[in-house]
């Protein structure tokens, strides 16, 4: 039997949504084992002085417990 757990992560990037997603998964992979998948729950942009400053994503990341 296997048991999974889901956590919520938030990440942002100055270059785009895909970069934010990759950064979040890369950072999570430093401390979590057995990451199985991720669901992009939400995407937003942070605007400053009329320009997009950050691309922000909220992810649900699932991993299998040992």
N, C-alpha and C. Protein backbone atom coordinates (compact mmCIF):
# COMPACT_ATOMS: atom_id res chain seq x y z
N UNK A 1 0.85 -1.18 0.00
CA UNK A 1 0.00 0.00 0.00
C UNK A 1 0.89 1.24 0.00
N UNK A 2 0.50 2.25 -0.73
CA UNK A 2 1.23 3.51 -0.72
C UNK A 2 0.30 4.64 -0.30
N UNK A 3 0.89 5.61 0.34
CA UNK A 3 0.14 6.77 0.82
C UNK A 3 0.79 8.02 0.25
N UNK A 4 -0.01 8.90 -0.29
CA UNK A 4 0.50 10.15 -0.84
C UNK A 4 0.10 11.33 0.01
N UNK A 5 0.83 12.39 -0.16
CA UNK A 5 0.54 13.64 0.54
C UNK A 5 0.60 14.77 -0.47
N UNK A 6 -0.24 15.76 -0.30
CA UNK A 6 -0.26 16.92 -1.18
C UNK A 6 0.03 18.18 -0.36
N UNK A 7 0.93 19.00 -0.88
CA UNK A 7 1.24 20.28 -0.23
C UNK A 7 1.03 21.40 -1.25
N UNK A 8 0.83 22.60 -0.74
CA UNK A 8 0.67 23.77 -1.59
C UNK A 8 1.96 24.57 -1.59
N UNK A 9 2.43 24.93 -2.77
CA UNK A 9 3.62 25.76 -2.92
C UNK A 9 3.27 27.01 -3.72
N UNK A 10 3.93 28.10 -3.41
CA UNK A 10 3.81 29.33 -4.18
C UNK A 10 5.20 29.73 -4.63
N UNK A 11 5.32 30.08 -5.90
CA UNK A 11 6.62 30.50 -6.44
C UNK A 11 6.39 31.65 -7.42
N UNK A 12 7.41 32.45 -7.61
CA UNK A 12 7.31 33.53 -8.58
C UNK A 12 8.62 33.68 -9.34
N UNK A 13 8.47 34.23 -10.53
CA UNK A 13 9.62 34.44 -11.41
C UNK A 13 9.43 35.76 -12.15
N UNK A 14 10.51 36.37 -12.51
CA UNK A 14 10.44 37.58 -13.32
C UNK A 14 10.31 37.27 -14.80
N UNK A 15 10.54 36.00 -15.18
CA UNK A 15 10.57 35.66 -16.61
C UNK A 15 9.34 34.94 -17.14
N UNK A 16 8.53 34.32 -16.27
CA UNK A 16 7.33 33.67 -16.78
C UNK A 16 6.79 32.61 -15.85
N UNK A 17 5.57 32.14 -16.17
CA UNK A 17 4.92 31.12 -15.37
C UNK A 17 5.70 29.80 -15.38
N UNK A 18 6.18 29.41 -16.55
CA UNK A 18 6.90 28.14 -16.64
C UNK A 18 8.15 28.16 -15.77
N UNK A 19 8.85 29.27 -15.74
CA UNK A 19 10.05 29.38 -14.90
C UNK A 19 9.67 29.28 -13.42
N UNK A 20 8.56 29.87 -13.04
CA UNK A 20 8.11 29.79 -11.64
C UNK A 20 7.77 28.35 -11.27
N UNK A 21 7.11 27.63 -12.17
CA UNK A 21 6.77 26.23 -11.93
C UNK A 21 8.04 25.40 -11.78
N UNK A 22 8.97 25.58 -12.70
CA UNK A 22 10.22 24.82 -12.64
C UNK A 22 11.01 25.12 -11.36
N UNK A 23 11.04 26.38 -10.96
CA UNK A 23 11.74 26.76 -9.72
C UNK A 23 11.09 26.10 -8.50
N UNK A 24 9.76 26.08 -8.46
CA UNK A 24 9.06 25.48 -7.32
C UNK A 24 9.34 23.99 -7.23
N UNK A 25 9.26 23.29 -8.34
CA UNK A 25 9.51 21.85 -8.34
C UNK A 25 10.96 21.55 -8.00
N UNK A 26 11.87 22.33 -8.54
CA UNK A 26 13.30 22.14 -8.25
C UNK A 26 13.58 22.32 -6.76
N UNK A 27 13.02 23.36 -6.17
CA UNK A 27 13.24 23.62 -4.75
C UNK A 27 12.60 22.54 -3.89
N UNK A 28 11.38 22.12 -4.23
CA UNK A 28 10.71 21.05 -3.49
C UNK A 28 11.50 19.77 -3.55
N UNK A 29 12.11 19.50 -4.68
CA UNK A 29 12.87 18.27 -4.88
C UNK A 29 14.12 18.22 -4.00
N UNK A 30 14.55 19.36 -3.47
CA UNK A 30 15.71 19.39 -2.57
C UNK A 30 15.39 18.74 -1.22
N UNK A 31 14.13 18.79 -0.79
CA UNK A 31 13.79 18.28 0.54
C UNK A 31 12.73 17.17 0.52
N UNK A 32 12.03 17.01 -0.57
CA UNK A 32 11.00 15.97 -0.67
C UNK A 32 11.47 14.85 -1.58
N UNK A 33 11.07 13.62 -1.23
CA UNK A 33 11.34 12.48 -2.09
C UNK A 33 10.05 12.02 -2.73
N UNK A 34 10.17 11.31 -3.81
CA UNK A 34 9.03 10.65 -4.46
C UNK A 34 7.95 11.61 -4.96
N UNK A 35 8.35 12.77 -5.49
CA UNK A 35 7.36 13.68 -6.07
C UNK A 35 6.77 13.00 -7.30
N UNK A 36 5.45 12.92 -7.32
CA UNK A 36 4.74 12.21 -8.39
C UNK A 36 4.09 13.15 -9.41
N UNK A 37 3.72 14.34 -8.98
CA UNK A 37 3.04 15.24 -9.91
C UNK A 37 2.72 16.57 -9.26
N UNK A 38 2.23 17.48 -10.09
CA UNK A 38 1.86 18.81 -9.60
C UNK A 38 0.68 19.32 -10.41
N UNK A 39 -0.16 20.07 -9.77
CA UNK A 39 -1.31 20.70 -10.39
C UNK A 39 -1.18 22.20 -10.21
N UNK A 40 -1.21 22.94 -11.31
CA UNK A 40 -1.15 24.40 -11.24
C UNK A 40 -2.54 24.88 -10.85
N UNK A 41 -2.67 25.29 -9.62
CA UNK A 41 -3.95 25.69 -9.05
C UNK A 41 -4.35 27.10 -9.46
N UNK A 42 -3.35 27.98 -9.59
CA UNK A 42 -3.65 29.39 -9.86
C UNK A 42 -2.42 30.06 -10.45
N UNK A 43 -2.65 31.01 -11.33
CA UNK A 43 -1.58 31.83 -11.88
C UNK A 43 -1.99 33.30 -11.77
N UNK A 44 -1.09 34.12 -11.30
CA UNK A 44 -1.36 35.55 -11.19
C UNK A 44 -0.11 36.33 -11.60
N UNK A 45 -0.29 37.59 -11.89
CA UNK A 45 0.85 38.46 -12.16
C UNK A 45 0.85 39.58 -11.14
N UNK A 46 2.05 40.01 -10.79
CA UNK A 46 2.24 41.14 -9.89
C UNK A 46 2.69 42.31 -10.76
N UNK A 47 1.97 43.41 -10.68
CA UNK A 47 2.24 44.56 -11.55
C UNK A 47 2.77 45.71 -10.71
N UNK A 48 3.81 46.34 -11.22
CA UNK A 48 4.40 47.50 -10.56
C UNK A 48 4.69 48.55 -11.62
N UNK A 49 4.24 49.76 -11.39
CA UNK A 49 4.43 50.87 -12.33
C UNK A 49 3.91 50.54 -13.73
N UNK A 50 2.79 49.82 -13.78
CA UNK A 50 2.16 49.50 -15.05
C UNK A 50 2.80 48.38 -15.83
N UNK A 51 3.81 47.72 -15.26
CA UNK A 51 4.51 46.63 -15.94
C UNK A 51 4.43 45.36 -15.09
N UNK A 52 4.44 44.22 -15.76
CA UNK A 52 4.46 42.96 -15.04
C UNK A 52 5.82 42.80 -14.37
N UNK A 53 5.79 42.68 -13.06
CA UNK A 53 7.02 42.52 -12.29
C UNK A 53 7.31 41.04 -12.02
N UNK A 54 6.26 40.28 -11.65
CA UNK A 54 6.44 38.87 -11.33
C UNK A 54 5.28 38.04 -11.89
N UNK A 55 5.60 36.82 -12.26
CA UNK A 55 4.62 35.81 -12.62
C UNK A 55 4.58 34.85 -11.43
N UNK A 56 3.41 34.69 -10.83
CA UNK A 56 3.28 33.88 -9.62
C UNK A 56 2.37 32.68 -9.87
N UNK A 57 2.78 31.53 -9.35
CA UNK A 57 1.97 30.31 -9.46
C UNK A 57 1.74 29.72 -8.08
N UNK A 58 0.59 29.09 -7.94
CA UNK A 58 0.24 28.32 -6.75
C UNK A 58 0.08 26.88 -7.23
N UNK A 59 0.86 25.97 -6.66
CA UNK A 59 0.89 24.58 -7.07
C UNK A 59 0.44 23.66 -5.96
N UNK A 60 -0.20 22.58 -6.32
CA UNK A 60 -0.46 21.47 -5.42
C UNK A 60 0.52 20.37 -5.85
N UNK A 61 1.44 20.01 -5.00
CA UNK A 61 2.47 19.02 -5.32
C UNK A 61 2.18 17.74 -4.53
N UNK A 62 2.16 16.62 -5.22
CA UNK A 62 1.88 15.34 -4.60
C UNK A 62 3.13 14.47 -4.56
N UNK A 63 3.37 13.87 -3.40
CA UNK A 63 4.50 12.96 -3.26
C UNK A 63 4.06 11.74 -2.45
N UNK A 64 4.76 10.63 -2.66
CA UNK A 64 4.43 9.38 -1.99
C UNK A 64 5.29 9.26 -0.72
N UNK A 65 4.65 8.95 0.39
CA UNK A 65 5.37 8.79 1.65
C UNK A 65 6.07 7.44 1.70
N UNK A 66 7.23 7.42 2.34
CA UNK A 66 8.00 6.17 2.48
C UNK A 66 7.28 5.22 3.42
